[in-house]
PDB file of N, CA and C in Angstrom:
ATOM      1  N   MET A   1     141.744 132.992  62.597  1.00  0.00           N
ATOM      2  CA  MET A   1     140.868 134.148  62.483  1.00  0.00           C
ATOM      3  C   MET A   1     139.452 133.658  62.190  1.00  0.00           C
ATOM      4  N   SER A   2     138.478 134.419  62.585  1.00  0.00           N
ATOM      5  CA  SER A   2     137.094 134.022  62.338  1.00  0.00           C
ATOM      6  C   SER A   2     136.460 134.944  61.298  1.00  0.00           C
ATOM      7  N   VAL A   3     135.292 134.556  60.863  1.00  0.00           N
ATOM      8  CA  VAL A   3     134.545 135.355  59.889  1.00  0.00           C
ATOM      9  C   VAL A   3     134.061 136.613  60.597  1.00  0.00           C
ATOM     10  N   ILE A   4     134.258 137.763  59.965  1.00  0.00           N
ATOM     11  CA  ILE A   4     133.786 139.011  60.553  1.00  0.00           C
ATOM     12  C   ILE A   4     132.556 139.491  59.805  1.00  0.00           C
ATOM     13  N   LYS A   5     131.692 140.187  60.508  1.00  0.00           N
ATOM     14  CA  LYS A   5     130.478 140.727  59.904  1.00  0.00           C
ATOM     15  C   LYS A   5     130.720 142.200  59.571  1.00  0.00           C
ATOM     16  N   LEU A   6     130.458 142.547  58.320  1.00  0.00           N
ATOM     17  CA  LEU A   6     130.685 143.921  57.874  1.00  0.00           C
ATOM     18  C   LEU A   6     129.365 144.596  57.527  1.00  0.00           C
ATOM     19  N   ASN A   7     129.406 145.936  57.511  1.00  0.00           N
ATOM     20  CA  ASN A   7     128.250 146.728  57.103  1.00  0.00           C
ATOM     21  C   ASN A   7     128.733 147.899  56.266  1.00  0.00           C
ATOM     22  N   ASN A   8     127.829 148.793  55.935  1.00  0.00           N
ATOM     23  CA  ASN A   8     128.174 149.933  55.080  1.00  0.00           C
ATOM     24  C   ASN A   8     129.336 150.748  55.638  1.00  0.00           C
ATOM     25  N   GLU A   9     129.391 150.897  56.958  1.00  0.00           N
ATOM     26  CA  GLU A   9     130.412 151.739  57.577  1.00  0.00           C
ATOM     27  C   GLU A   9     131.765 151.039  57.703  1.00  0.00           C
ATOM     28  N   SER A  10     131.772 149.738  57.919  1.00  0.00           N
ATOM     29  CA  SER A  10     133.024 149.041  58.211  1.00  0.00           C
ATOM     30  C   SER A  10     133.659 148.345  56.998  1.00  0.00           C
ATOM     31  N   PHE A  11     132.954 148.252  55.903  1.00  0.00           N
ATOM     32  CA  PHE A  11     133.409 147.455  54.765  1.00  0.00           C
ATOM     33  C   PHE A  11     134.750 147.915  54.194  1.00  0.00           C
ATOM     34  N   ASP A  12     134.849 149.157  53.793  1.00  0.00           N
ATOM     35  CA  ASP A  12     136.054 149.643  53.100  1.00  0.00           C
ATOM     36  C   ASP A  12     137.321 149.474  53.928  1.00  0.00           C
ATOM     37  N   ALA A  13     137.250 149.787  55.200  1.00  0.00           N
ATOM     38  CA  ALA A  13     138.429 149.658  56.063  1.00  0.00           C
ATOM     39  C   ALA A  13     138.837 148.193  56.226  1.00  0.00           C
ATOM     40  N   ALA A  14     137.872 147.301  56.287  1.00  0.00           N
ATOM     41  CA  ALA A  14     138.174 145.887  56.520  1.00  0.00           C
ATOM     42  C   ALA A  14     138.815 145.216  55.314  1.00  0.00           C
ATOM     43  N   VAL A  15     138.466 145.642  54.123  1.00  0.00           N
ATOM     44  CA  VAL A  15     138.981 144.979  52.918  1.00  0.00           C
ATOM     45  C   VAL A  15     140.119 145.743  52.249  1.00  0.00           C
ATOM     46  N   LYS A  16     140.628 146.768  52.899  1.00  0.00           N
ATOM     47  CA  LYS A  16     141.663 147.591  52.275  1.00  0.00           C
ATOM     48  C   LYS A  16     142.965 146.844  52.027  1.00  0.00           C
ATOM     49  N   SER A  17     143.168 145.696  52.693  1.00  0.00           N
ATOM     50  CA  SER A  17     144.391 144.918  52.471  1.00  0.00           C
ATOM     51  C   SER A  17     144.437 144.347  51.052  1.00  0.00           C
ATOM     52  N   GLY A  18     143.281 144.237  50.426  1.00  0.00           N
ATOM     53  CA  GLY A  18     143.225 143.750  49.055  1.00  0.00           C
ATOM     54  C   GLY A  18     142.980 142.264  48.941  1.00  0.00           C
ATOM     55  N   LYS A  19     143.114 141.514  50.028  1.00  0.00           N
ATOM     56  CA  LYS A  19     142.884 140.075  50.002  1.00  0.00           C
ATOM     57  C   LYS A  19     141.710 139.754  50.911  1.00  0.00           C
ATOM     58  N   ALA A  20     140.530 139.615  50.293  1.00  0.00           N
ATOM     59  CA  ALA A  20     139.335 139.383  51.089  1.00  0.00           C
ATOM     60  C   ALA A  20     138.376 138.452  50.358  1.00  0.00           C
ATOM     61  N   LEU A  21     137.689 137.651  51.130  1.00  0.00           N
ATOM     62  CA  LEU A  21     136.603 136.813  50.650  1.00  0.00           C
ATOM     63  C   LEU A  21     135.361 137.314  51.361  1.00  0.00           C
ATOM     64  N   VAL A  22     134.414 137.846  50.605  1.00  0.00           N
ATOM     65  CA  VAL A  22     133.219 138.435  51.199  1.00  0.00           C
ATOM     66  C   VAL A  22     131.998 137.668  50.725  1.00  0.00           C
ATOM     67  N   ASP A  23     131.201 137.210  51.690  1.00  0.00           N
ATOM     68  CA  ASP A  23     129.963 136.504  51.421  1.00  0.00           C
ATOM     69  C   ASP A  23     128.805 137.466  51.649  1.00  0.00           C
ATOM     70  N   PHE A  24     128.073 137.763  50.584  1.00  0.00           N
ATOM     71  CA  PHE A  24     126.859 138.562  50.710  1.00  0.00           C
ATOM     72  C   PHE A  24     125.728 137.574  50.959  1.00  0.00           C
ATOM     73  N   TYR A  25     125.050 137.701  52.090  1.00  0.00           N
ATOM     74  CA  TYR A  25     124.073 136.699  52.503  1.00  0.00           C
ATOM     75  C   TYR A  25     122.814 137.358  53.062  1.00  0.00           C
ATOM     76  N   ALA A  26     121.799 136.502  53.283  1.00  0.00           N
ATOM     77  CA  ALA A  26     120.583 136.918  53.978  1.00  0.00           C
ATOM     78  C   ALA A  26     120.269 135.848  55.020  1.00  0.00           C
ATOM     79  N   ASP A  27     119.770 136.261  56.174  1.00  0.00           N
ATOM     80  CA  ASP A  27     119.460 135.319  57.248  1.00  0.00           C
ATOM     81  C   ASP A  27     118.418 134.291  56.834  1.00  0.00           C
ATOM     82  N   TRP A  28     117.502 134.672  55.964  1.00  0.00           N
ATOM     83  CA  TRP A  28     116.413 133.791  55.548  1.00  0.00           C
ATOM     84  C   TRP A  28     116.817 132.837  54.423  1.00  0.00           C
ATOM     85  N   CYS A  29     118.021 132.935  53.904  1.00  0.00           N
ATOM     86  CA  CYS A  29     118.478 132.164  52.747  1.00  0.00           C
ATOM     87  C   CYS A  29     119.102 130.837  53.186  1.00  0.00           C
ATOM     88  N   GLY A  30     118.470 129.730  52.810  1.00  0.00           N
ATOM     89  CA  GLY A  30     118.972 128.407  53.166  1.00  0.00           C
ATOM     90  C   GLY A  30     120.372 128.127  52.640  1.00  0.00           C
ATOM     91  N   PRO A  31     120.625 128.318  51.345  1.00  0.00           N
ATOM     92  CA  PRO A  31     121.982 128.085  50.829  1.00  0.00           C
ATOM     93  C   PRO A  31     123.035 128.982  51.498  1.00  0.00           C
ATOM     94  N   CYS A  32     122.643 130.182  51.881  1.00  0.00           N
ATOM     95  CA  CYS A  32     123.572 131.072  52.583  1.00  0.00           C
ATOM     96  C   CYS A  32     123.963 130.470  53.927  1.00  0.00           C
ATOM     97  N   ARG A  33     122.997 129.912  54.641  1.00  0.00           N
ATOM     98  CA  ARG A  33     123.285 129.283  55.937  1.00  0.00           C
ATOM     99  C   ARG A  33     124.178 128.064  55.759  1.00  0.00           C
ATOM    100  N   MET A  34     124.032 127.358  54.641  1.00  0.00           N
ATOM    101  CA  MET A  34     124.857 126.180  54.380  1.00  0.00           C
ATOM    102  C   MET A  34     126.318 126.553  54.133  1.00  0.00           C
ATOM    103  N   MET A  35     126.570 127.763  53.693  1.00  0.00           N
ATOM    104  CA  MET A  35     127.930 128.228  53.424  1.00  0.00           C
ATOM    105  C   MET A  35     128.690 128.621  54.689  1.00  0.00           C
ATOM    106  N   ALA A  36     127.994 128.876  55.771  1.00  0.00           N
ATOM    107  CA  ALA A  36     128.629 129.376  56.996  1.00  0.00           C
ATOM    108  C   ALA A  36     129.775 128.492  57.488  1.00  0.00           C
ATOM    109  N   PRO A  37     129.604 127.156  57.590  1.00  0.00           N
ATOM    110  CA  PRO A  37     130.733 126.342  58.063  1.00  0.00           C
ATOM    111  C   PRO A  37     131.928 126.358  57.108  1.00  0.00           C
ATOM    112  N   ILE A  38     131.665 126.484  55.834  1.00  0.00           N
ATOM    113  CA  ILE A  38     132.747 126.535  54.847  1.00  0.00           C
ATOM    114  C   ILE A  38     133.550 127.817  55.028  1.00  0.00           C
ATOM    115  N   LEU A  39     132.850 128.926  55.229  1.00  0.00           N
ATOM    116  CA  LEU A  39     133.533 130.200  55.448  1.00  0.00           C
ATOM    117  C   LEU A  39     134.351 130.169  56.737  1.00  0.00           C
ATOM    118  N   GLU A  40     133.805 129.551  57.774  1.00  0.00           N
ATOM    119  CA  GLU A  40     134.549 129.433  59.034  1.00  0.00           C
ATOM    120  C   GLU A  40     135.824 128.621  58.826  1.00  0.00           C
ATOM    121  N   ALA A  41     135.748 127.545  58.038  1.00  0.00           N
ATOM    122  CA  ALA A  41     136.926 126.714  57.771  1.00  0.00           C
ATOM    123  C   ALA A  41     137.977 127.497  56.988  1.00  0.00           C
ATOM    124  N   VAL A  42     137.553 128.256  55.997  1.00  0.00           N
ATOM    125  CA  VAL A  42     138.492 129.066  55.211  1.00  0.00           C
ATOM    126  C   VAL A  42     139.153 130.104  56.117  1.00  0.00           C
ATOM    127  N   ALA A  43     138.360 130.747  56.966  1.00  0.00           N
ATOM    128  CA  ALA A  43     138.909 131.763  57.873  1.00  0.00           C
ATOM    129  C   ALA A  43     139.941 131.154  58.822  1.00  0.00           C
ATOM    130  N   ALA A  44     139.686 129.930  59.270  1.00  0.00           N
ATOM    131  CA  ALA A  44     140.619 129.269  60.182  1.00  0.00           C
ATOM    132  C   ALA A  44     141.918 128.890  59.489  1.00  0.00           C
ATOM    133  N   GLU A  45     141.849 128.548  58.218  1.00  0.00           N
ATOM    134  CA  GLU A  45     143.035 128.118  57.469  1.00  0.00           C
ATOM    135  C   GLU A  45     143.848 129.272  56.895  1.00  0.00           C
ATOM    136  N   ARG A  46     143.220 130.392  56.636  1.00  0.00           N
ATOM    137  CA  ARG A  46     143.889 131.479  55.910  1.00  0.00           C
ATOM    138  C   ARG A  46     143.955 132.748  56.752  1.00  0.00           C
ATOM    139  N   ALA A  47     144.955 132.841  57.572  1.00  0.00           N
ATOM    140  CA  ALA A  47     145.132 134.024  58.410  1.00  0.00           C
ATOM    141  C   ALA A  47     145.501 135.258  57.582  1.00  0.00           C
ATOM    142  N   ASP A  48     145.987 135.040  56.358  1.00  0.00           N
ATOM    143  CA  ASP A  48     146.378 136.153  55.484  1.00  0.00           C
ATOM    144  C   ASP A  48     145.208 136.748  54.721  1.00  0.00           C
ATOM    145  N   LEU A  49     144.027 136.201  54.907  1.00  0.00           N
ATOM    146  CA  LEU A  49     142.852 136.574  54.131  1.00  0.00           C
ATOM    147  C   LEU A  49     141.755 137.082  55.067  1.00  0.00           C
ATOM    148  N   VAL A  50     141.141 138.197  54.710  1.00  0.00           N
ATOM    149  CA  VAL A  50     139.974 138.675  55.454  1.00  0.00           C
ATOM    150  C   VAL A  50     138.773 137.889  54.938  1.00  0.00           C
ATOM    151  N   VAL A  51     138.110 137.167  55.826  1.00  0.00           N
ATOM    152  CA  VAL A  51     136.892 136.433  55.468  1.00  0.00           C
ATOM    153  C   VAL A  51     135.745 137.132  56.185  1.00  0.00           C
ATOM    154  N   ALA A  52     134.785 137.611  55.402  1.00  0.00           N
ATOM    155  CA  ALA A  52     133.729 138.448  55.970  1.00  0.00           C
ATOM    156  C   ALA A  52     132.372 138.121  55.375  1.00  0.00           C
ATOM    157  N   LYS A  53     131.340 138.556  56.095  1.00  0.00           N
ATOM    158  CA  LYS A  53     129.966 138.397  55.654  1.00  0.00           C
ATOM    159  C   LYS A  53     129.286 139.755  55.672  1.00  0.00           C
ATOM    160  N   VAL A  54     128.414 139.974  54.686  1.00  0.00           N
ATOM    161  CA  VAL A  54     127.619 141.194  54.633  1.00  0.00           C
ATOM    162  C   VAL A  54     126.160 140.786  54.491  1.00  0.00           C
ATOM    163  N   ASN A  55     125.331 141.201  55.429  1.00  0.00           N
ATOM    164  CA  ASN A  55     123.906 140.925  55.362  1.00  0.00           C
ATOM    165  C   ASN A  55     123.274 141.906  54.375  1.00  0.00           C
ATOM    166  N   VAL A  56     122.739 141.377  53.281  1.00  0.00           N
ATOM    167  CA  VAL A  56     122.204 142.244  52.228  1.00  0.00           C
ATOM    168  C   VAL A  56     120.941 142.977  52.664  1.00  0.00           C
ATOM    169  N   ASP A  57     120.219 142.422  53.622  1.00  0.00           N
ATOM    170  CA  ASP A  57     119.024 143.105  54.114  1.00  0.00           C
ATOM    171  C   ASP A  57     119.383 144.305  54.978  1.00  0.00           C
ATOM    172  N   GLU A  58     120.495 144.224  55.693  1.00  0.00           N
ATOM    173  CA  GLU A  58     120.931 145.315  56.558  1.00  0.00           C
ATOM    174  C   GLU A  58     121.848 146.303  55.844  1.00  0.00           C
ATOM    175  N   SER A  59     122.500 145.861  54.770  1.00  0.00           N
ATOM    176  CA  SER A  59     123.465 146.705  54.047  1.00  0.00           C
ATOM    177  C   SER A  59     123.144 146.697  52.553  1.00  0.00           C
ATOM    178  N   ALA A  60     121.954 147.157  52.235  1.00  0.00           N
ATOM    179  CA  ALA A  60     121.491 147.158  50.845  1.00  0.00           C
ATOM    180  C   ALA A  60     122.385 148.013  49.942  1.00  0.00           C
ATOM    181  N   GLU A  61     122.981 149.072  50.501  1.00  0.00           N
ATOM    182  CA  GLU A  61     123.867 149.929  49.700  1.00  0.00           C
ATOM    183  C   GLU A  61     125.084 149.141  49.192  1.00  0.00           C
ATOM    184  N   LEU A  62     125.660 148.307  50.054  1.00  0.00           N
ATOM    185  CA  LEU A  62     126.811 147.502  49.643  1.00  0.00           C
ATOM    186  C   LEU A  62     126.402 146.476  48.595  1.00  0.00           C
ATOM    187  N   ALA A  63     125.253 145.860  48.787  1.00  0.00           N
ATOM    188  CA  ALA A  63     124.765 144.886  47.811  1.00  0.00           C
ATOM    189  C   ALA A  63     124.605 145.542  46.449  1.00  0.00           C
ATOM    190  N   ALA A  64     124.037 146.726  46.422  1.00  0.00           N
ATOM    191  CA  ALA A  64     123.860 147.453  45.156  1.00  0.00           C
ATOM    192  C   ALA A  64     125.213 147.858  44.562  1.00  0.00           C
ATOM    193  N   ARG A  65     126.119 148.284  45.405  1.00  0.00           N
ATOM    194  CA  ARG A  65     127.455 148.702  44.946  1.00  0.00           C
ATOM    195  C   ARG A  65     128.187 147.588  44.194  1.00  0.00           C
ATOM    196  N   PHE A  66     127.992 146.348  44.644  1.00  0.00           N
ATOM    197  CA  PHE A  66     128.668 145.218  44.020  1.00  0.00           C
ATOM    198  C   PHE A  66     127.758 144.400  43.106  1.00  0.00           C
ATOM    199  N   GLY A  67     126.555 144.889  42.856  1.00  0.00           N
ATOM    200  CA  GLY A  67     125.666 144.234  41.910  1.00  0.00           C
ATOM    201  C   GLY A  67     125.064 142.924  42.395  1.00  0.00           C
ATOM    202  N   VAL A  68     124.950 142.761  43.716  1.00  0.00           N
ATOM    203  CA  VAL A  68     124.347 141.548  44.270  1.00  0.00           C
ATOM    204  C   VAL A  68     122.844 141.650  44.062  1.00  0.00           C
ATOM    205  N   MET A  69     122.299 140.662  43.354  1.00  0.00           N
ATOM    206  CA  MET A  69     120.872 140.726  43.043  1.00  0.00           C
ATOM    207  C   MET A  69     120.086 139.566  43.644  1.00  0.00           C
ATOM    208  N   SER A  70     120.717 138.440  43.855  1.00  0.00           N
ATOM    209  CA  SER A  70     119.972 137.311  44.432  1.00  0.00           C
ATOM    210  C   SER A  70     120.948 136.321  45.032  1.00  0.00           C
TER     211      SER A  70
END
């Protein structure tokens, strides 16, 4: 399985299984870009786990909901 990109509309349905790893990231963030290959590796190894990314600039409501500040 690969990393999926989530937004305000798709988040709840995607993580309803209860087993999810979600990376809140920004395109301009260097450390966030460095995490991408690691997330891809986890997604490839763990078919039982939803591995997803949420762009905080595009989905500010989700970032606020989970207290993502930086």
